[in-house]
Protein backbone atom coordinates (compact mmCIF):
# COMPACT_ATOMS: atom_id res chain seq x y z
CA UNK A 1 85.37 122.18 105.67
CA UNK A 2 83.34 124.81 103.83
CA UNK A 3 86.02 127.48 104.04
CA UNK A 4 86.55 127.17 107.78
CA UNK A 5 90.22 127.24 108.69
CA UNK A 6 91.24 124.97 111.52
CA UNK A 7 94.34 125.64 113.54
CA UNK A 8 96.54 122.77 114.58
CA UNK A 9 97.98 119.80 112.76
CA UNK A 10 96.48 117.70 109.99
CA UNK A 11 96.19 114.76 112.38
CA UNK A 12 93.86 116.91 114.51
CA UNK A 13 91.29 117.25 111.71
CA UNK A 14 91.84 114.13 109.55
CA UNK A 15 89.53 111.14 109.75
CA UNK A 16 92.48 108.75 110.04
CA UNK A 17 96.12 109.45 110.66
CA UNK A 18 99.19 108.44 112.56
CA UNK A 19 101.72 110.45 114.49
CA UNK A 20 105.27 109.81 113.35
CA UNK A 21 106.64 111.54 116.47
CA UNK A 22 109.00 113.61 114.34
CA UNK A 23 110.32 116.24 116.76
CA UNK A 24 110.96 118.95 114.18
CA UNK A 25 108.28 120.76 112.23
CA UNK A 26 110.22 123.12 110.02
CA UNK A 27 113.20 121.12 108.90
CA UNK A 28 116.65 119.84 109.68
CA UNK A 29 118.79 122.00 107.37
CA UNK A 30 119.76 125.45 108.54
CA UNK A 31 120.49 127.97 105.79
CA UNK A 32 122.28 131.18 106.69
CA UNK A 33 119.94 134.14 106.34
CA UNK A 34 116.74 132.12 106.79
CA UNK A 35 114.74 132.31 109.99
CA UNK A 36 113.50 128.72 109.80
CA UNK A 37 115.11 125.44 108.84
CA UNK A 38 114.08 123.61 105.68
CA UNK A 39 113.69 119.93 104.68
CA UNK A 40 111.46 118.38 107.34
CA UNK A 41 112.02 114.69 107.93
CA UNK A 42 108.36 114.06 108.74
CA UNK A 43 107.47 113.28 105.11
CA UNK A 44 110.22 110.70 104.76
CA UNK A 45 109.41 109.13 108.13
CA UNK A 46 105.70 109.05 107.27
CA UNK A 47 106.43 107.37 103.94
CA UNK A 48 108.59 104.72 105.61
CA UNK A 49 105.83 104.03 108.16
CA UNK A 50 103.26 103.71 105.37
CA UNK A 51 105.47 101.30 103.43
CA UNK A 52 106.03 99.24 106.59
CA UNK A 53 102.27 99.00 107.16
CA UNK A 54 101.77 97.86 103.54
CA UNK A 55 104.56 95.29 103.88
CA UNK A 56 103.05 93.94 107.10
CA UNK A 57 99.59 93.76 105.52
CA UNK A 58 101.05 91.92 102.50
CA UNK A 59 102.83 89.46 104.80
CA UNK A 60 99.61 88.80 106.70
CA UNK A 61 97.65 88.24 103.47
CA UNK A 62 100.26 85.74 102.26
CA UNK A 63 100.15 83.89 105.60
CA UNK A 64 96.39 83.56 105.15
CA UNK A 65 96.84 82.11 101.66
CA UNK A 66 95.75 85.10 99.62
CA UNK A 67 98.74 86.68 97.88
CA UNK A 68 97.78 90.28 97.04
CA UNK A 69 98.25 91.65 93.54
CA UNK A 70 99.31 95.23 93.03
CA UNK A 71 98.78 97.48 90.07
CA UNK A 72 101.88 98.84 88.39
CA UNK A 73 101.86 102.41 87.09
CA UNK A 74 101.23 102.71 83.37
CA UNK A 75 104.12 105.18 83.12
CA UNK A 76 106.56 102.52 84.30
CA UNK A 77 108.32 100.33 81.76
CA UNK A 78 106.04 97.35 81.13
CA UNK A 79 103.30 98.85 83.31
CA UNK A 80 100.51 98.64 80.75
CA UNK A 81 101.43 95.05 79.85
CA UNK A 82 101.55 94.06 83.52
CA UNK A 83 98.11 95.54 84.16
CA UNK A 84 96.67 93.77 81.13
CA UNK A 85 97.96 90.42 82.43
CA UNK A 86 96.93 91.03 86.05
CA UNK A 87 93.49 92.59 85.48
CA UNK A 88 91.64 89.24 85.25
CA UNK A 89 93.03 88.31 88.70
CA UNK A 90 91.86 91.63 90.14
CA UNK A 91 88.44 91.20 88.55
CA UNK A 92 88.08 87.62 89.83
CA UNK A 93 88.90 88.55 93.42
CA UNK A 94 87.28 91.95 93.41
CA UNK A 95 90.40 93.61 94.82
């Protein structure tokens, strides 16, 4: 945005987004001596929504006969080996 600050929420300026309707903005834990609560639930709710969208998309792909393959992180146990085995499938499909 070339240094221009925009007031409002991220969803107001993002190209794509979804509103998780989380009613709190600061957090749900009140700590004595602090003016504002901490630990907002919006991040957790947003992550759950994102995972649900991915699960629904995966289900739809399977119904259409195209089981999606997912990369596994190389830092996970067996991640590099998994990627080496799955890469030809990714390359063949193009996704």
